[in-house]
Structure formats: structure tokens, C-alpha cells
């Protein structure tokens, strides 16, 4: 193409430097575009990470368990504990047996005791971060007198559903 422009076919020094300058300018423009695009993607990733950190900072984590009372080893207290960093709202409980939805007679006896507590039957409106609610739920001596010592082999699954302060729904399960 350069030969058709006329002349002797040799590039002058100033023409050669103009071509090198033009090619360098195009290369810098392409690299600038690539850098801008990568910066944009990094910014979007940073925004996602900030959103995830915000959600994690207010995420509740509920646990349900029973422990013997300090007064007597036979007295059992139900504990609901929020180990998360945020408030749990609209907490509800559902109990299942070890084989699923159908409860055995021993499991039914324990679940009925659980549901005699208002906080387990009707749920909780809210439970603050690092807070716990507990209440006496049953005496092993009373249950053993009615159902025998087979209660020591009973496994109950507690399904807990709750929301964080912004309404995101969560679920946990305790055995």
C-alpha cells in the first residue's frame, strides 16, 4: 500500500515514527479498554461482597435443645438460643419423629410436652442476637412413670423457621 503512494518505496524516518506512534496509540487504547472492563468487573464483585457481608452481619442462627435444670437432673428445660449476629423474627417450630411425619407413641408424649409451652406452640415474635429463652418442659420421672424407660431412645427433630430484620427467610433443624 505504501508503494502505491508514489515515491521510491522507502519509508522516511518521520513516516516510520508516525506508524509506530499510531500502532502504540491503538495498543494503549485497547489496553485501557481492557483495564476499564476489568475494573468494572472487580467493582461489581466488591459490591456483591459488601452485600454478602451486610447480610451475614444481621443473620440470625437459632438452635433448640433440652438440658437438665440446675435444681434436679430429672427436670428438663427447653432452650431456644440465637447464636447469630442479628435479630430473629417470626420464629416458628415444628416437630417430627425420627421416621418422618408419623410420630410413635413415645415421640408423641414428648412432642405434647414441648407443645405445652407457649413459646414452642405459638412461636416467638423475636429473639435478639446472643439471647436465649428457656422454660421447664418436663420431668423424666413423670414421663417414665407414664411411658416407661423407652423414652431414652426417642429422637425428635425440631424444624425452626425464622426471618432476619429485613425479612429474609431461614430455617434450621435440631435433633
N, C-alpha and C. Protein backbone atom coordinates (compact mmCIF):
# COMPACT_ATOMS: atom_id res chain seq x y z
N UNK A 1 0.83 -1.19 0.00
CA UNK A 1 0.00 0.00 0.00
C UNK A 1 0.87 1.25 0.00
N UNK A 2 1.92 1.23 0.77
CA UNK A 2 2.82 2.38 0.82
C UNK A 2 3.55 2.61 -0.49
N UNK A 3 3.77 1.51 -1.27
CA UNK A 3 4.46 1.66 -2.54
C UNK A 3 3.59 2.35 -3.58
N UNK A 4 2.29 2.24 -3.45
CA UNK A 4 1.39 2.84 -4.42
C UNK A 4 1.21 4.34 -4.21
N UNK A 5 1.71 4.84 -3.13
CA UNK A 5 1.55 6.26 -2.87
C UNK A 5 2.53 7.11 -3.69
N UNK A 6 3.42 6.47 -4.25
CA UNK A 6 4.41 7.20 -5.04
C UNK A 6 5.71 7.32 -4.27
N UNK A 7 6.69 7.72 -4.93
CA UNK A 7 7.98 7.85 -4.28
C UNK A 7 8.83 6.65 -4.59
N UNK A 8 9.90 6.50 -3.87
CA UNK A 8 10.85 5.44 -4.17
C UNK A 8 10.58 4.15 -3.40
N UNK A 9 9.56 4.11 -2.57
CA UNK A 9 9.20 2.88 -1.87
C UNK A 9 9.86 2.75 -0.51
N UNK A 10 10.69 3.67 -0.15
CA UNK A 10 11.31 3.64 1.17
C UNK A 10 10.54 4.59 2.07
N UNK A 11 10.35 4.13 3.32
CA UNK A 11 9.67 4.98 4.28
C UNK A 11 10.66 5.97 4.86
N UNK A 12 10.22 7.16 4.94
CA UNK A 12 11.05 8.17 5.56
C UNK A 12 11.04 7.95 7.07
N UNK A 13 12.01 8.48 7.74
CA UNK A 13 12.12 8.29 9.18
C UNK A 13 10.92 8.87 9.91
N UNK A 14 10.41 10.00 9.47
CA UNK A 14 9.26 10.59 10.14
C UNK A 14 7.98 9.80 9.87
N UNK A 15 7.86 9.16 8.71
CA UNK A 15 6.70 8.32 8.40
C UNK A 15 6.74 7.06 9.24
N UNK A 16 7.89 6.47 9.40
CA UNK A 16 8.03 5.27 10.23
C UNK A 16 7.68 5.56 11.68
N UNK A 17 8.14 6.66 12.19
CA UNK A 17 7.82 7.01 13.58
C UNK A 17 6.33 7.32 13.74
N UNK A 18 5.69 7.87 12.72
CA UNK A 18 4.25 8.12 12.77
C UNK A 18 3.48 6.80 12.85
N UNK A 19 3.93 5.80 12.05
CA UNK A 19 3.27 4.49 12.11
C UNK A 19 3.47 3.83 13.48
N UNK A 20 4.65 3.89 14.00
CA UNK A 20 4.91 3.31 15.33
C UNK A 20 4.07 4.02 16.38
N UNK A 21 3.99 5.33 16.29
CA UNK A 21 3.17 6.10 17.22
C UNK A 21 1.69 5.73 17.11
N UNK A 22 1.19 5.54 15.88
CA UNK A 22 -0.21 5.18 15.67
C UNK A 22 -0.51 3.79 16.23
N UNK A 23 0.41 2.85 15.96
CA UNK A 23 0.21 1.48 16.48
C UNK A 23 0.25 1.49 18.00
N UNK A 24 1.16 2.25 18.59
CA UNK A 24 1.25 2.34 20.05
C UNK A 24 -0.01 2.96 20.63
N UNK A 25 -0.53 3.98 19.95
CA UNK A 25 -1.77 4.62 20.42
C UNK A 25 -2.93 3.64 20.40
N UNK A 26 -3.06 2.86 19.33
CA UNK A 26 -4.12 1.85 19.25
C UNK A 26 -3.94 0.80 20.35
N UNK A 27 -2.70 0.34 20.57
CA UNK A 27 -2.44 -0.66 21.62
C UNK A 27 -2.79 -0.11 22.99
N UNK A 28 -2.44 1.13 23.27
CA UNK A 28 -2.77 1.75 24.56
C UNK A 28 -4.28 1.89 24.71
N UNK A 29 -4.97 2.25 23.64
CA UNK A 29 -6.44 2.38 23.70
C UNK A 29 -7.08 1.02 24.01
N UNK A 30 -6.60 -0.04 23.37
CA UNK A 30 -7.15 -1.38 23.62
C UNK A 30 -6.87 -1.81 25.05
N UNK A 31 -5.64 -1.59 25.52
CA UNK A 31 -5.30 -1.97 26.90
C UNK A 31 -6.08 -1.14 27.91
N UNK A 32 -6.32 0.13 27.61
CA UNK A 32 -7.13 0.98 28.50
C UNK A 32 -8.56 0.46 28.58
N UNK A 33 -9.11 0.04 27.45
CA UNK A 33 -10.46 -0.53 27.44
C UNK A 33 -10.51 -1.81 28.28
N UNK A 34 -9.52 -2.69 28.11
CA UNK A 34 -9.47 -3.93 28.89
C UNK A 34 -9.35 -3.63 30.37
N UNK A 35 -8.50 -2.67 30.74
CA UNK A 35 -8.34 -2.29 32.14
C UNK A 35 -9.64 -1.72 32.71
N UNK A 36 -10.33 -0.89 31.93
CA UNK A 36 -11.60 -0.33 32.39
C UNK A 36 -12.64 -1.43 32.60
N UNK A 37 -12.67 -2.39 31.67
CA UNK A 37 -13.63 -3.50 31.82
C UNK A 37 -13.31 -4.34 33.05
N UNK A 38 -12.05 -4.68 33.28
CA UNK A 38 -11.66 -5.47 34.45
C UNK A 38 -11.94 -4.70 35.75
N UNK A 39 -11.70 -3.41 35.74
CA UNK A 39 -12.01 -2.58 36.92
C UNK A 39 -13.50 -2.60 37.21
N UNK A 40 -14.31 -2.56 36.17
CA UNK A 40 -15.76 -2.60 36.33
C UNK A 40 -16.19 -3.94 36.95
N UNK A 41 -15.63 -5.04 36.45
CA UNK A 41 -15.97 -6.37 36.99
C UNK A 41 -15.51 -6.49 38.44
N UNK A 42 -14.35 -5.97 38.76
CA UNK A 42 -13.88 -6.00 40.15
C UNK A 42 -14.79 -5.18 41.06
N UNK A 43 -15.27 -4.06 40.56
CA UNK A 43 -16.19 -3.22 41.34
C UNK A 43 -17.50 -3.96 41.59
N UNK A 44 -18.02 -4.63 40.59
CA UNK A 44 -19.25 -5.41 40.78
C UNK A 44 -19.03 -6.53 41.79
N UNK A 45 -17.87 -7.19 41.74
CA UNK A 45 -17.57 -8.24 42.71
C UNK A 45 -17.46 -7.66 44.11
N UNK A 46 -16.88 -6.48 44.23
CA UNK A 46 -16.76 -5.83 45.53
C UNK A 46 -18.14 -5.46 46.08
N UNK A 47 -19.03 -4.99 45.24
CA UNK A 47 -20.39 -4.65 45.67
C UNK A 47 -21.10 -5.91 46.17
N UNK A 48 -20.95 -7.03 45.45
CA UNK A 48 -21.55 -8.29 45.90
C UNK A 48 -21.00 -8.72 47.24
N UNK A 49 -19.69 -8.59 47.43
CA UNK A 49 -19.08 -8.97 48.70
C UNK A 49 -19.58 -8.10 49.84
N UNK A 50 -19.73 -6.82 49.60
CA UNK A 50 -20.25 -5.91 50.63
C UNK A 50 -21.67 -6.29 50.99
N UNK A 51 -22.50 -6.61 49.99
CA UNK A 51 -23.87 -7.04 50.25
C UNK A 51 -23.90 -8.33 51.06
N UNK A 52 -23.02 -9.28 50.73
CA UNK A 52 -22.97 -10.54 51.47
C UNK A 52 -22.52 -10.31 52.91
N UNK A 53 -21.56 -9.42 53.12
CA UNK A 53 -21.12 -9.10 54.48
C UNK A 53 -22.23 -8.43 55.27
N UNK A 54 -23.00 -7.58 54.62
CA UNK A 54 -24.13 -6.92 55.28
C UNK A 54 -25.17 -7.95 55.72
N UNK A 55 -25.47 -8.89 54.82
CA UNK A 55 -26.44 -9.94 55.15
C UNK A 55 -25.92 -10.82 56.28
N UNK A 56 -24.64 -11.17 56.22
CA UNK A 56 -24.05 -12.02 57.25
C UNK A 56 -24.01 -11.32 58.60
N UNK A 57 -23.86 -10.00 58.59
CA UNK A 57 -23.79 -9.24 59.84
C UNK A 57 -25.13 -9.19 60.56
N UNK A 58 -26.22 -9.47 59.86
CA UNK A 58 -27.53 -9.43 60.50
C UNK A 58 -28.24 -10.79 60.46
N UNK A 59 -27.51 -11.84 60.15
CA UNK A 59 -28.10 -13.16 60.03
C UNK A 59 -28.26 -13.82 61.41
N UNK A 60 -29.48 -14.21 61.75
CA UNK A 60 -29.68 -14.96 62.99
C UNK A 60 -29.36 -16.44 62.78
N UNK A 61 -29.10 -17.13 63.86
CA UNK A 61 -28.83 -18.57 63.81
C UNK A 61 -29.44 -19.19 65.07
N UNK A 62 -30.56 -19.89 64.91
CA UNK A 62 -31.29 -20.42 66.06
C UNK A 62 -30.99 -21.89 66.29
N UNK A 63 -31.00 -22.24 67.56
CA UNK A 63 -30.77 -23.61 67.98
C UNK A 63 -31.78 -23.94 69.08
N UNK A 64 -32.31 -25.14 69.02
CA UNK A 64 -33.24 -25.62 70.04
C UNK A 64 -32.65 -26.88 70.68
N UNK A 65 -32.67 -26.94 72.00
CA UNK A 65 -32.16 -28.12 72.69
C UNK A 65 -32.78 -28.19 74.08
N UNK A 66 -32.66 -29.35 74.70
CA UNK A 66 -33.12 -29.51 76.08
C UNK A 66 -31.91 -29.85 76.95
N UNK A 67 -31.94 -29.31 78.16
CA UNK A 67 -30.89 -29.56 79.14
C UNK A 67 -31.54 -29.79 80.49
N UNK A 68 -30.85 -30.54 81.33
CA UNK A 68 -31.38 -30.73 82.68
C UNK A 68 -31.25 -29.43 83.46
N UNK A 69 -32.19 -29.21 84.34
CA UNK A 69 -32.21 -28.00 85.15
C UNK A 69 -31.14 -28.09 86.23
N UNK A 70 -30.72 -26.95 86.74
CA UNK A 70 -29.72 -26.93 87.81
C UNK A 70 -30.28 -27.48 89.12
N UNK A 71 -31.58 -27.40 89.29
CA UNK A 71 -32.19 -27.86 90.54
C UNK A 71 -32.26 -29.38 90.63
N UNK A 72 -32.49 -30.04 89.49
CA UNK A 72 -32.60 -31.50 89.51
C UNK A 72 -32.23 -32.05 88.13
N UNK A 73 -31.56 -33.16 88.12
CA UNK A 73 -31.14 -33.77 86.87
C UNK A 73 -32.33 -34.33 86.08
N UNK A 74 -33.44 -34.60 86.76
CA UNK A 74 -34.63 -35.16 86.11
C UNK A 74 -35.51 -34.09 85.48
N UNK A 75 -35.33 -32.84 85.88
CA UNK A 75 -36.12 -31.74 85.33
C UNK A 75 -35.44 -31.23 84.05
N UNK A 76 -36.18 -31.19 82.97
CA UNK A 76 -35.62 -30.79 81.69
C UNK A 76 -36.17 -29.42 81.26
N UNK A 77 -35.26 -28.56 80.83
CA UNK A 77 -35.62 -27.24 80.33
C UNK A 77 -35.42 -27.20 78.82
N UNK A 78 -36.37 -26.57 78.14
CA UNK A 78 -36.23 -26.33 76.70
C UNK A 78 -35.52 -25.00 76.51
N UNK A 79 -34.50 -24.99 75.65
CA UNK A 79 -33.70 -23.79 75.38
C UNK A 79 -33.82 -23.43 73.91
N UNK A 80 -34.05 -22.16 73.64
CA UNK A 80 -34.02 -21.62 72.29
C UNK A 80 -32.95 -20.53 72.33
N UNK A 81 -31.92 -20.70 71.51
CA UNK A 81 -30.78 -19.80 71.58
C UNK A 81 -30.48 -19.23 70.20
N UNK A 82 -30.25 -17.92 70.16
CA UNK A 82 -29.86 -17.25 68.92
C UNK A 82 -28.35 -17.03 68.97
N UNK A 83 -27.60 -17.83 68.23
CA UNK A 83 -26.15 -17.71 68.18
C UNK A 83 -25.69 -16.78 67.06
N UNK A 84 -26.63 -16.22 66.33
CA UNK A 84 -26.29 -15.36 65.21
C UNK A 84 -26.01 -13.93 65.62
N UNK A 85 -25.77 -13.10 64.62
CA UNK A 85 -25.42 -11.70 64.86
C UNK A 85 -26.60 -10.75 64.72
N UNK A 86 -27.76 -11.29 64.34
CA UNK A 86 -28.91 -10.43 64.13
C UNK A 86 -30.14 -10.94 64.84
N UNK A 87 -31.18 -10.13 64.82
CA UNK A 87 -32.45 -10.46 65.47
C UNK A 87 -33.19 -11.49 64.62
N UNK A 88 -33.76 -12.49 65.29
CA UNK A 88 -34.63 -13.48 64.61
C UNK A 88 -36.07 -13.05 64.85
N UNK A 89 -36.84 -12.97 63.79
CA UNK A 89 -38.26 -12.58 63.89
C UNK A 89 -39.14 -13.70 63.36
N UNK A 90 -40.38 -13.70 63.82
CA UNK A 90 -41.39 -14.66 63.36
C UNK A 90 -40.87 -16.10 63.45
N UNK A 91 -40.43 -16.48 64.62
CA UNK A 91 -39.85 -17.80 64.84
C UNK A 91 -41.00 -18.80 65.03
N UNK A 92 -40.95 -19.90 64.28
CA UNK A 92 -41.95 -20.95 64.43
C UNK A 92 -41.25 -22.31 64.52
N UNK A 93 -41.92 -23.24 65.19
CA UNK A 93 -41.37 -24.57 65.43
C UNK A 93 -42.31 -25.63 64.91
N UNK A 94 -41.72 -26.71 64.41
CA UNK A 94 -42.49 -27.88 64.01
C UNK A 94 -41.67 -29.09 64.42
N UNK A 95 -42.34 -30.10 64.96
CA UNK A 95 -41.63 -31.27 65.49
C UNK A 95 -41.97 -32.51 64.68
N UNK A 96 -40.94 -33.31 64.44
CA UNK A 96 -41.06 -34.54 63.68
C UNK A 96 -40.41 -35.67 64.47
N UNK A 97 -40.88 -36.87 64.18
CA UNK A 97 -40.26 -38.05 64.78
C UNK A 97 -39.04 -38.48 63.98
N UNK A 98 -38.38 -39.52 64.45
CA UNK A 98 -37.17 -39.99 63.77
C UNK A 98 -37.50 -40.61 62.41
N UNK A 99 -38.73 -41.09 62.22
CA UNK A 99 -39.10 -41.72 60.95
C UNK A 99 -39.88 -40.80 60.03
N UNK A 100 -39.95 -39.52 60.35
CA UNK A 100 -40.66 -38.57 59.48
C UNK A 100 -41.84 -37.93 60.19
N UNK A 101 -42.93 -37.73 59.44
CA UNK A 101 -44.09 -37.03 59.98
C UNK A 101 -44.87 -37.84 60.99
N UNK A 102 -44.86 -39.17 60.86
CA UNK A 102 -45.65 -40.02 61.76
C UNK A 102 -44.86 -40.21 63.05
N UNK A 103 -45.50 -39.86 64.17
CA UNK A 103 -44.86 -39.96 65.48
C UNK A 103 -45.25 -41.25 66.17
N UNK A 104 -44.28 -41.88 66.83
CA UNK A 104 -44.60 -43.04 67.66
C UNK A 104 -45.26 -42.54 68.95
N UNK A 105 -45.78 -43.45 69.75
CA UNK A 105 -46.46 -43.03 70.98
C UNK A 105 -45.49 -42.35 71.95
N UNK A 106 -44.24 -42.84 72.03
CA UNK A 106 -43.26 -42.21 72.90
C UNK A 106 -42.88 -40.82 72.38
N UNK A 107 -42.72 -40.69 71.06
CA UNK A 107 -42.41 -39.39 70.47
C UNK A 107 -43.57 -38.42 70.66
N UNK A 108 -44.79 -38.91 70.53
CA UNK A 108 -45.97 -38.08 70.74
C UNK A 108 -46.01 -37.53 72.15
N UNK A 109 -45.65 -38.36 73.14
CA UNK A 109 -45.65 -37.92 74.53
C UNK A 109 -44.67 -36.76 74.74
N UNK A 110 -43.50 -36.86 74.11
CA UNK A 110 -42.50 -35.80 74.26
C UNK A 110 -42.94 -34.54 73.50
N UNK A 111 -43.45 -34.71 72.28
CA UNK A 111 -43.89 -33.55 71.49
C UNK A 111 -45.04 -32.83 72.17
N UNK A 112 -45.95 -33.57 72.78
CA UNK A 112 -47.05 -32.93 73.51
C UNK A 112 -46.52 -32.08 74.66
N UNK A 113 -45.49 -32.54 75.32
CA UNK A 113 -44.87 -31.74 76.38
C UNK A 113 -44.24 -30.48 75.80
N UNK A 114 -43.57 -30.62 74.66
CA UNK A 114 -42.99 -29.45 74.01
C UNK A 114 -44.08 -28.43 73.65
N UNK A 115 -45.16 -28.93 73.08
CA UNK A 115 -46.23 -28.03 72.63
C UNK A 115 -47.05 -27.46 73.77
N UNK A 116 -46.82 -27.94 74.99
CA UNK A 116 -47.49 -27.32 76.13
C UNK A 116 -46.86 -25.96 76.46
N UNK A 117 -45.67 -25.71 75.95
CA UNK A 117 -45.04 -24.40 76.13
C UNK A 117 -45.53 -23.45 75.05
N UNK A 118 -45.96 -22.28 75.45
CA UNK A 118 -46.48 -21.30 74.51
C UNK A 118 -45.42 -20.88 73.49
N UNK A 119 -44.16 -20.75 73.93
CA UNK A 119 -43.12 -20.29 73.00
C UNK A 119 -42.83 -21.32 71.91
N UNK A 120 -43.11 -22.60 72.17
CA UNK A 120 -42.91 -23.62 71.14
C UNK A 120 -44.18 -23.85 70.32
N UNK A 121 -45.33 -23.70 70.95
CA UNK A 121 -46.60 -23.91 70.25
C UNK A 121 -46.90 -22.75 69.30
N UNK A 122 -46.80 -21.52 69.80
CA UNK A 122 -47.16 -20.34 69.01
C UNK A 122 -45.96 -19.61 68.41
N UNK A 123 -44.76 -20.01 68.78
CA UNK A 123 -43.56 -19.37 68.26
C UNK A 123 -43.20 -18.11 69.03
N UNK A 124 -42.19 -17.42 68.53
CA UNK A 124 -41.70 -16.19 69.14
C UNK A 124 -41.78 -15.06 68.13
N UNK A 125 -42.17 -13.89 68.60
CA UNK A 125 -42.20 -12.72 67.72
C UNK A 125 -40.79 -12.30 67.35
N UNK A 126 -39.87 -12.35 68.32
CA UNK A 126 -38.47 -12.02 68.03
C UNK A 126 -37.58 -12.58 69.12
N UNK A 127 -36.33 -12.77 68.75
CA UNK A 127 -35.30 -13.21 69.69
C UNK A 127 -34.02 -12.51 69.28
N UNK A 128 -33.49 -11.68 70.20
CA UNK A 128 -32.32 -10.87 69.90
C UNK A 128 -31.06 -11.68 69.70
N UNK A 129 -30.06 -11.01 69.16
CA UNK A 129 -28.76 -11.64 68.93
C UNK A 129 -28.13 -12.02 70.26
N UNK A 130 -27.57 -13.22 70.32
CA UNK A 130 -26.92 -13.76 71.52
C UNK A 130 -27.87 -13.85 72.71
N UNK A 131 -29.15 -14.00 72.46
CA UNK A 131 -30.15 -14.14 73.51
C UNK A 131 -30.66 -15.57 73.56
N UNK A 132 -31.29 -15.91 74.69
CA UNK A 132 -31.78 -17.26 74.90
C UNK A 132 -33.09 -17.19 75.67
N UNK A 133 -33.97 -18.08 75.33
CA UNK A 133 -35.20 -18.27 76.12
C UNK A 133 -35.20 -19.71 76.57
N UNK A 134 -35.60 -19.92 77.82
CA UNK A 134 -35.68 -21.28 78.33
C UNK A 134 -36.86 -21.39 79.26
N UNK A 135 -37.36 -22.61 79.37
CA UNK A 135 -38.51 -22.87 80.22
C UNK A 135 -38.53 -24.35 80.58
N UNK A 136 -39.04 -24.64 81.76
CA UNK A 136 -39.21 -26.03 82.17
C UNK A 136 -40.22 -26.69 81.24
N UNK A 137 -39.88 -27.89 80.77
CA UNK A 137 -40.77 -28.55 79.81
C UNK A 137 -41.30 -29.88 80.34
N UNK A 138 -40.49 -30.69 81.02
CA UNK A 138 -41.00 -31.94 81.59
C UNK A 138 -40.00 -32.51 82.58
N UNK A 139 -40.49 -33.48 83.32
CA UNK A 139 -39.65 -34.24 84.24
C UNK A 139 -39.54 -35.66 83.68
N UNK A 140 -38.33 -36.16 83.60
CA UNK A 140 -38.14 -37.52 83.10
C UNK A 140 -38.85 -38.54 84.00
N UNK A 141 -38.92 -38.27 85.28
CA UNK A 141 -39.58 -39.21 86.19
C UNK A 141 -41.06 -39.33 85.85
N UNK A 142 -41.71 -38.20 85.58
CA UNK A 142 -43.14 -38.22 85.22
C UNK A 142 -43.35 -38.95 83.90
N UNK A 143 -42.53 -38.65 82.90
CA UNK A 143 -42.68 -39.31 81.60
C UNK A 143 -42.38 -40.80 81.70
N UNK A 144 -41.39 -41.17 82.49
CA UNK A 144 -41.05 -42.58 82.63
C UNK A 144 -42.15 -43.34 83.36
N UNK A 145 -42.81 -42.70 84.32
CA UNK A 145 -43.93 -43.36 85.01
C UNK A 145 -45.08 -43.64 84.05
N UNK A 146 -45.28 -42.76 83.07
CA UNK A 146 -46.38 -42.92 82.12
C UNK A 146 -46.00 -43.81 80.93
N UNK A 147 -44.74 -43.70 80.44
CA UNK A 147 -44.35 -44.36 79.19
C UNK A 147 -43.24 -45.37 79.33
N UNK A 148 -42.65 -45.50 80.47
CA UNK A 148 -41.55 -46.45 80.65
C UNK A 148 -40.22 -45.83 80.26
N UNK A 149 -39.16 -46.63 80.38
CA UNK A 149 -37.82 -46.10 80.12
C UNK A 149 -37.45 -46.09 78.64
N UNK A 150 -38.40 -46.39 77.77
CA UNK A 150 -38.11 -46.33 76.32
C UNK A 150 -37.89 -44.90 75.84
N UNK A 151 -38.23 -43.92 76.67
CA UNK A 151 -38.07 -42.52 76.27
C UNK A 151 -36.61 -42.14 76.06
N UNK A 152 -35.69 -42.88 76.64
CA UNK A 152 -34.28 -42.54 76.48
C UNK A 152 -33.81 -42.79 75.04
N UNK A 153 -34.53 -43.54 74.27
CA UNK A 153 -34.16 -43.79 72.87
C UNK A 153 -34.91 -42.92 71.89
N UNK A 154 -35.74 -42.02 72.36
CA UNK A 154 -36.56 -41.19 71.49
C UNK A 154 -35.71 -40.07 70.88
N UNK A 155 -35.88 -39.87 69.57
CA UNK A 155 -35.22 -38.76 68.87
C UNK A 155 -36.31 -37.92 68.22
N UNK A 156 -36.29 -36.64 68.53
CA UNK A 156 -37.26 -35.69 67.98
C UNK A 156 -36.49 -34.67 67.14
N UNK A 157 -36.98 -34.40 65.94
CA UNK A 157 -36.41 -33.36 65.09
C UNK A 157 -37.25 -32.10 65.23
N UNK A 158 -36.60 -31.00 65.55
CA UNK A 158 -37.28 -29.71 65.64
C UNK A 158 -36.88 -28.88 64.44
N UNK A 159 -37.86 -28.54 63.62
CA UNK A 159 -37.63 -27.68 62.47
C UNK A 159 -37.99 -26.25 62.88
N UNK A 160 -37.04 -25.34 62.71
CA UNK A 160 -37.22 -23.95 63.13
C UNK A 160 -37.17 -23.07 61.89
N UNK A 161 -38.20 -22.25 61.71
CA UNK A 161 -38.24 -21.29 60.61
C UNK A 161 -38.27 -19.89 61.21
N UNK A 162 -37.52 -18.97 60.61
CA UNK A 162 -37.42 -17.62 61.14
C UNK A 162 -36.96 -16.67 60.05
N UNK A 163 -37.00 -15.37 60.36
CA UNK A 163 -36.61 -14.32 59.42
C UNK A 163 -35.60 -13.40 60.09
N UNK A 164 -34.82 -12.69 59.27
CA UNK A 164 -33.94 -11.67 59.83
C UNK A 164 -34.69 -10.34 59.85
N UNK A 165 -34.02 -9.27 60.23
CA UNK A 165 -34.66 -7.97 60.37
C UNK A 165 -35.20 -7.42 59.06
N UNK A 166 -34.64 -7.86 57.92
CA UNK A 166 -35.10 -7.38 56.61
C UNK A 166 -36.07 -8.34 55.94
N UNK A 167 -36.46 -9.41 56.63
CA UNK A 167 -37.46 -10.33 56.10
C UNK A 167 -36.93 -11.50 55.31
N UNK A 168 -35.61 -11.69 55.23
CA UNK A 168 -35.08 -12.87 54.56
C UNK A 168 -35.37 -14.10 55.42
N UNK A 169 -35.83 -15.17 54.79
CA UNK A 169 -36.27 -16.36 55.50
C UNK A 169 -35.10 -17.35 55.65
N UNK A 170 -35.08 -18.00 56.83
CA UNK A 170 -34.07 -19.01 57.14
C UNK A 170 -34.76 -20.19 57.80
N UNK A 171 -34.05 -21.29 57.84
CA UNK A 171 -34.55 -22.48 58.53
C UNK A 171 -33.36 -23.22 59.13
N UNK A 172 -33.60 -23.85 60.25
CA UNK A 172 -32.59 -24.70 60.87
C UNK A 172 -33.29 -25.90 61.47
N UNK A 173 -32.51 -26.90 61.80
CA UNK A 173 -33.08 -28.12 62.36
C UNK A 173 -32.21 -28.60 63.50
N UNK A 174 -32.86 -29.02 64.57
CA UNK A 174 -32.16 -29.58 65.73
C UNK A 174 -32.73 -30.94 66.01
N UNK A 175 -31.90 -31.82 66.54
CA UNK A 175 -32.36 -33.17 66.91
C UNK A 175 -32.22 -33.32 68.40
